[in-house]
Protein backbone atom coordinates (compact mmCIF):
# COMPACT_ATOMS: atom_id res chain seq x y z
CA MET A 1 -288.62 114.86 119.45
CA LYS A 2 -284.97 114.26 118.67
CA ILE A 3 -283.90 111.24 116.82
CA ARG A 4 -280.52 109.90 117.75
CA ARG A 5 -278.70 108.41 114.86
CA THR A 6 -276.00 105.96 115.62
CA PRO A 7 -273.26 106.18 113.04
CA THR A 8 -272.84 103.01 111.12
CA LYS A 9 -269.32 101.63 111.15
CA VAL A 10 -268.32 100.26 107.84
CA LYS A 11 -265.18 98.13 107.57
CA LEU A 12 -263.72 98.03 104.15
CA VAL A 13 -261.43 95.14 103.16
CA TYR A 14 -259.33 95.49 100.09
CA LYS A 15 -257.92 92.41 98.43
CA SER A 16 -254.78 92.96 96.43
CA THR A 17 -253.40 90.59 93.87
CA LYS A 18 -249.89 91.91 94.53
CA PRO A 19 -247.91 90.77 97.57
CA SER A 20 -247.39 93.42 100.21
CA LEU A 21 -243.91 94.90 100.42
CA ARG A 22 -244.39 96.29 103.92
CA PHE A 23 -243.15 94.19 106.82
CA SER A 24 -243.10 94.78 110.53
CA ILE A 25 -239.79 94.81 112.40
CA THR A 26 -240.52 91.32 113.73
CA GLU A 27 -241.27 90.05 110.24
CA ARG A 28 -238.08 91.57 108.87
CA LYS A 29 -236.00 89.89 111.57
CA ARG A 30 -237.65 86.57 110.78
CA ILE A 31 -236.93 87.01 107.06
CA ASP A 32 -233.29 87.92 107.77
CA ARG A 33 -232.90 84.84 109.98
CA THR A 34 -234.39 82.71 107.22
CA LYS A 35 -231.94 84.11 104.67
CA ASP A 36 -229.01 83.51 107.03
CA MET A 37 -230.23 79.98 107.64
CA LYS A 38 -230.42 79.30 103.90
CA ILE A 39 -226.85 80.52 103.48
CA GLU A 40 -225.64 78.28 106.30
CA VAL A 41 -227.61 75.34 104.89
CA ASN A 42 -225.88 75.77 101.54
CA LYS A 43 -222.49 75.88 103.23
CA VAL A 44 -223.25 72.72 105.14
CA LYS A 45 -224.50 70.97 102.01
CA ASP A 46 -221.35 71.96 100.12
CA ALA A 47 -219.27 70.53 102.93
CA GLY A 48 -221.02 67.18 102.64
CA LEU A 49 -222.73 67.40 106.01
CA THR A 50 -226.35 66.41 106.58
CA LEU A 51 -229.35 68.26 107.94
CA ARG A 52 -232.38 67.04 109.83
CA HIS A 53 -235.85 68.54 110.16
CA ARG A 54 -237.36 68.96 113.62
CA SER A 55 -240.85 70.42 114.04
CA GLY A 56 -240.59 72.03 110.66
CA ALA A 57 -237.38 73.88 111.53
CA MET A 58 -234.06 73.25 109.85
CA VAL A 59 -231.45 72.11 112.34
CA SER A 60 -227.85 71.53 111.36
CA VAL A 61 -226.41 68.31 112.70
CA ALA A 62 -222.69 67.66 112.82
CA GLU A 63 -222.54 64.44 110.86
CA PRO A 64 -219.33 64.83 108.89
CA LEU A 65 -218.50 62.38 106.17
CA THR A 66 -215.90 59.72 106.79
CA LYS A 67 -212.43 60.04 105.31
CA ALA A 68 -213.29 57.46 102.67
CA GLN A 69 -216.46 59.32 101.68
CA ILE A 70 -214.63 62.65 101.43
CA ARG A 71 -211.88 61.07 99.32
CA SER A 72 -214.46 59.60 96.97
CA LYS A 73 -216.26 62.93 96.52
CA ILE A 74 -213.12 65.04 96.05
CA LEU A 75 -211.48 62.55 93.68
CA LEU A 76 -214.60 62.75 91.52
CA ARG A 77 -214.51 66.56 91.55
CA LEU A 78 -210.83 66.54 90.57
CA LYS A 79 -211.50 64.07 87.79
CA THR A 80 -214.48 65.96 86.34
CA GLN A 81 -213.10 69.49 86.68
CA LYS A 82 -212.50 71.08 83.29
CA GLU A 83 -208.84 71.39 82.38
CA GLU A 84 -209.28 75.08 81.56
CA ASP A 85 -210.67 75.68 85.06
CA ARG A 86 -207.82 73.70 86.61
CA ASN A 87 -205.22 75.74 84.71
CA ARG A 88 -206.91 79.05 85.50
CA LYS A 89 -207.11 78.33 89.23
CA SER A 90 -203.58 76.92 89.28
CA LYS A 91 -202.25 80.19 87.83
CA LEU A 92 -204.03 82.17 90.53
CA ILE A 93 -202.55 79.90 93.20
CA THR A 94 -199.10 80.27 91.60
CA ALA A 95 -199.37 84.06 91.79
CA LYS A 96 -200.36 83.90 95.47
CA LEU A 97 -197.47 81.54 96.28
CA LEU A 98 -194.89 83.73 94.54
CA ARG A 99 -196.06 86.69 96.67
CA ASN A 100 -195.88 84.71 99.91
CA LYS A 101 -193.21 85.99 102.34
CA VAL A 102 -192.20 82.52 103.49
CA PHE A 103 -191.75 81.38 99.90
CA LYS A 104 -189.67 84.45 99.04
CA LYS A 105 -187.25 83.74 101.90
CA ALA A 106 -186.90 80.01 101.16
CA LYS A 107 -183.83 78.82 99.26
CA ILE A 108 -184.55 75.08 99.04
CA VAL A 109 -188.19 74.27 98.33
CA MET A 110 -189.75 70.83 98.14
CA PHE A 111 -192.59 70.83 95.61
CA TYR A 112 -194.70 67.93 94.37
CA VAL A 113 -195.35 66.76 90.83
CA ALA A 114 -199.10 67.17 90.25
CA PHE A 115 -201.06 63.94 89.92
CA GLY A 116 -204.71 63.09 89.29
CA GLY A 117 -206.03 66.61 88.70
CA GLU A 118 -204.23 68.28 91.62
CA VAL A 119 -203.16 71.93 91.57
CA ASN A 120 -200.63 72.16 88.74
CA THR A 121 -197.12 72.95 90.00
CA GLU A 122 -195.25 73.14 86.67
CA GLU A 123 -195.41 76.93 86.33
CA MET A 124 -194.55 77.62 89.96
CA ILE A 125 -191.54 75.29 89.74
CA ARG A 126 -190.31 77.09 86.60
CA GLU A 127 -190.76 80.51 88.22
CA ALA A 128 -189.03 79.35 91.42
CA LYS A 129 -186.03 78.17 89.41
CA LYS A 130 -185.88 81.48 87.54
CA ILE A 131 -185.36 83.35 90.82
CA GLY A 132 -182.61 80.99 91.93
CA LYS A 133 -184.36 78.55 94.25
CA LEU A 134 -183.26 74.93 94.49
CA ILE A 135 -186.18 72.61 93.82
CA CYS A 136 -186.67 69.07 94.99
CA VAL A 137 -189.61 66.66 94.80
CA PRO A 138 -190.52 63.57 96.82
CA VAL A 139 -189.40 60.07 95.87
CA CYS A 140 -191.48 57.33 97.46
CA ARG A 141 -190.48 53.90 98.71
CA LYS A 142 -193.47 51.60 98.57
CA ASP A 143 -191.99 48.97 100.88
CA LYS A 144 -191.78 51.45 103.77
CA GLU A 145 -194.33 54.00 102.52
CA THR A 146 -191.81 56.76 103.13
CA MET A 147 -190.60 59.76 101.11
CA GLN A 148 -187.19 61.23 100.45
CA PRO A 149 -186.58 64.65 98.83
CA ALA A 150 -184.62 64.49 95.56
CA MET A 151 -183.29 67.36 93.46
CA LEU A 152 -185.30 68.20 90.35
CA GLU A 153 -182.73 69.27 87.78
CA ASP A 154 -183.56 71.10 84.56
CA ARG A 155 -184.84 68.70 81.88
CA ALA A 156 -184.61 65.84 84.33
CA LYS A 157 -185.93 62.50 83.15
CA LEU A 158 -188.94 61.36 85.12
CA LYS A 159 -190.49 57.97 85.71
CA LYS A 160 -193.63 56.79 87.45
CA GLY A 161 -193.10 55.94 91.09
CA PRO A 162 -194.82 53.15 93.05
CA TYR A 163 -198.06 55.18 93.33
CA GLY A 164 -198.10 56.51 89.78
CA VAL A 165 -196.56 59.90 90.60
CA LEU A 166 -193.66 61.08 88.43
CA GLU A 167 -190.23 61.04 90.10
CA PRO A 168 -186.68 61.89 88.94
CA VAL A 169 -184.79 58.95 87.47
CA ALA A 170 -181.43 60.26 88.70
CA LEU A 171 -181.60 60.57 92.46
CA ALA A 172 -179.66 63.41 94.06
CA GLN A 173 -181.06 63.21 97.54
CA VAL A 174 -181.56 66.20 99.81
CA LYS A 175 -181.46 66.04 103.58
CA PRO A 176 -184.93 66.84 104.97
CA GLU A 177 -183.40 69.15 107.58
CA ASP A 178 -181.96 71.31 104.77
CA LEU A 179 -185.41 72.19 103.44
CA ASP A 180 -186.68 75.75 103.89
CA LEU A 181 -190.25 75.08 102.75
CA VAL A 182 -192.46 72.12 101.83
CA ILE A 183 -195.32 72.51 99.34
CA VAL A 184 -197.94 69.88 100.14
CA PRO A 185 -200.74 68.38 98.03
CA GLY A 186 -203.95 67.03 99.54
CA LEU A 187 -207.46 65.95 98.74
CA ALA A 188 -209.06 68.16 101.37
CA PHE A 189 -208.10 70.80 103.92
CA ASP A 190 -209.90 72.84 106.52
CA LYS A 191 -209.07 76.38 107.61
CA LYS A 192 -207.20 75.12 110.68
CA GLY A 193 -204.69 73.46 108.38
CA ASN A 194 -205.91 69.91 108.89
CA ARG A 195 -205.21 67.82 105.80
CA LEU A 196 -206.67 64.71 104.21
CA GLY A 197 -204.37 62.85 101.84
CA ARG A 198 -204.82 59.77 99.69
CA GLY A 199 -204.58 57.38 102.60
CA LYS A 200 -201.01 56.08 102.47
CA GLY A 201 -199.73 58.36 105.22
CA CYS A 202 -196.51 59.23 103.34
CA TYR A 203 -196.78 62.98 103.84
CA ASP A 204 -197.92 62.61 107.44
CA ARG A 205 -194.85 60.57 108.31
CA PHE A 206 -192.57 62.90 106.37
CA LEU A 207 -193.96 66.12 107.88
CA CYS A 208 -193.87 64.58 111.33
CA SER A 209 -190.14 63.89 110.93
CA LEU A 210 -189.36 67.53 110.10
CA SER A 211 -188.46 70.25 112.54
CA GLU A 212 -191.38 72.49 113.49
CA LYS A 213 -189.30 75.39 112.19
CA ILE A 214 -189.70 74.15 108.60
CA PRO A 215 -192.95 75.64 107.26
CA SER A 216 -195.42 73.78 105.06
CA ILE A 217 -197.98 75.18 102.64
CA GLY A 218 -200.91 73.19 101.26
CA LEU A 219 -202.26 73.92 97.77
CA ALA A 220 -205.91 73.33 96.91
CA PHE A 221 -208.88 74.31 94.79
CA ASP A 222 -211.84 76.02 96.46
CA PHE A 223 -213.96 72.84 96.56
CA GLN A 224 -211.19 71.10 98.51
CA ILE A 225 -211.58 73.46 101.47
CA LEU A 226 -214.07 72.03 103.98
CA PRO A 227 -215.40 73.37 107.30
CA LEU A 228 -213.98 70.32 109.04
CA VAL A 229 -211.58 67.54 108.04
CA PRO A 230 -211.69 64.41 110.23
CA THR A 231 -208.32 63.71 111.82
CA THR A 232 -206.54 61.12 113.97
CA CYS A 233 -203.47 61.39 116.17
CA HIS A 234 -201.28 60.37 113.21
CA ASP A 235 -202.45 63.17 110.89
CA VAL A 236 -200.19 66.21 110.50
CA SER A 237 -201.55 69.63 109.58
CA VAL A 238 -199.93 72.25 107.36
CA LYS A 239 -198.95 75.73 108.50
CA LYS A 240 -200.79 77.56 105.70
CA ILE A 241 -203.17 76.86 102.81
CA ILE A 242 -203.25 78.68 99.48
CA PHE A 243 -206.36 78.04 97.39
CA SER A 244 -208.44 79.48 94.58
């Protein structure tokens, strides 16, 4: 008599206290997508946009801040930025500007006098004068909210203009059509060149009056570059942005 023995199947389950480092292809793709999503979320947060949750998934929603909200946030960043960081970044921006082909070709350059924590232009103005460029800066008229370029002579006496920005006391005006390049400040820019100013519209009106052949370069710190700057039909963009 033969006895048939059925082999007993034993299933062993091992519990590990360490997390497994092996992932399937599907799991790896899901992890990569999650990482990419986190990166995009951080970018959106930095830009001041909002996110909404839907069924547990993160969905980006284009709810850009208003101009007033962006101004408030950027003005605070400019105010609280350490002076050593401002000077360091301004030097990097100066170096980039001096290497720029358009800047090298320009003979008459309209700069701005830095105000309220903006990119410092003192060094770039000094260097531009050393290589023989004629420098002018804007003079504002509060009654008409317009600007007129005026020569910035060596050791020129400056006074506060109607908006608190320093201007030359002695006015040697320059015709706007004689400019070869305009260096433009701003509170925020996007990579398309759209610009957000302080709300008076002085630069928009001035840039709009210039020939399209006259290039303009915006200067900014890295936190002033946003994915999208809200614009209206009256806003004028710049041709190029240099930032650090």
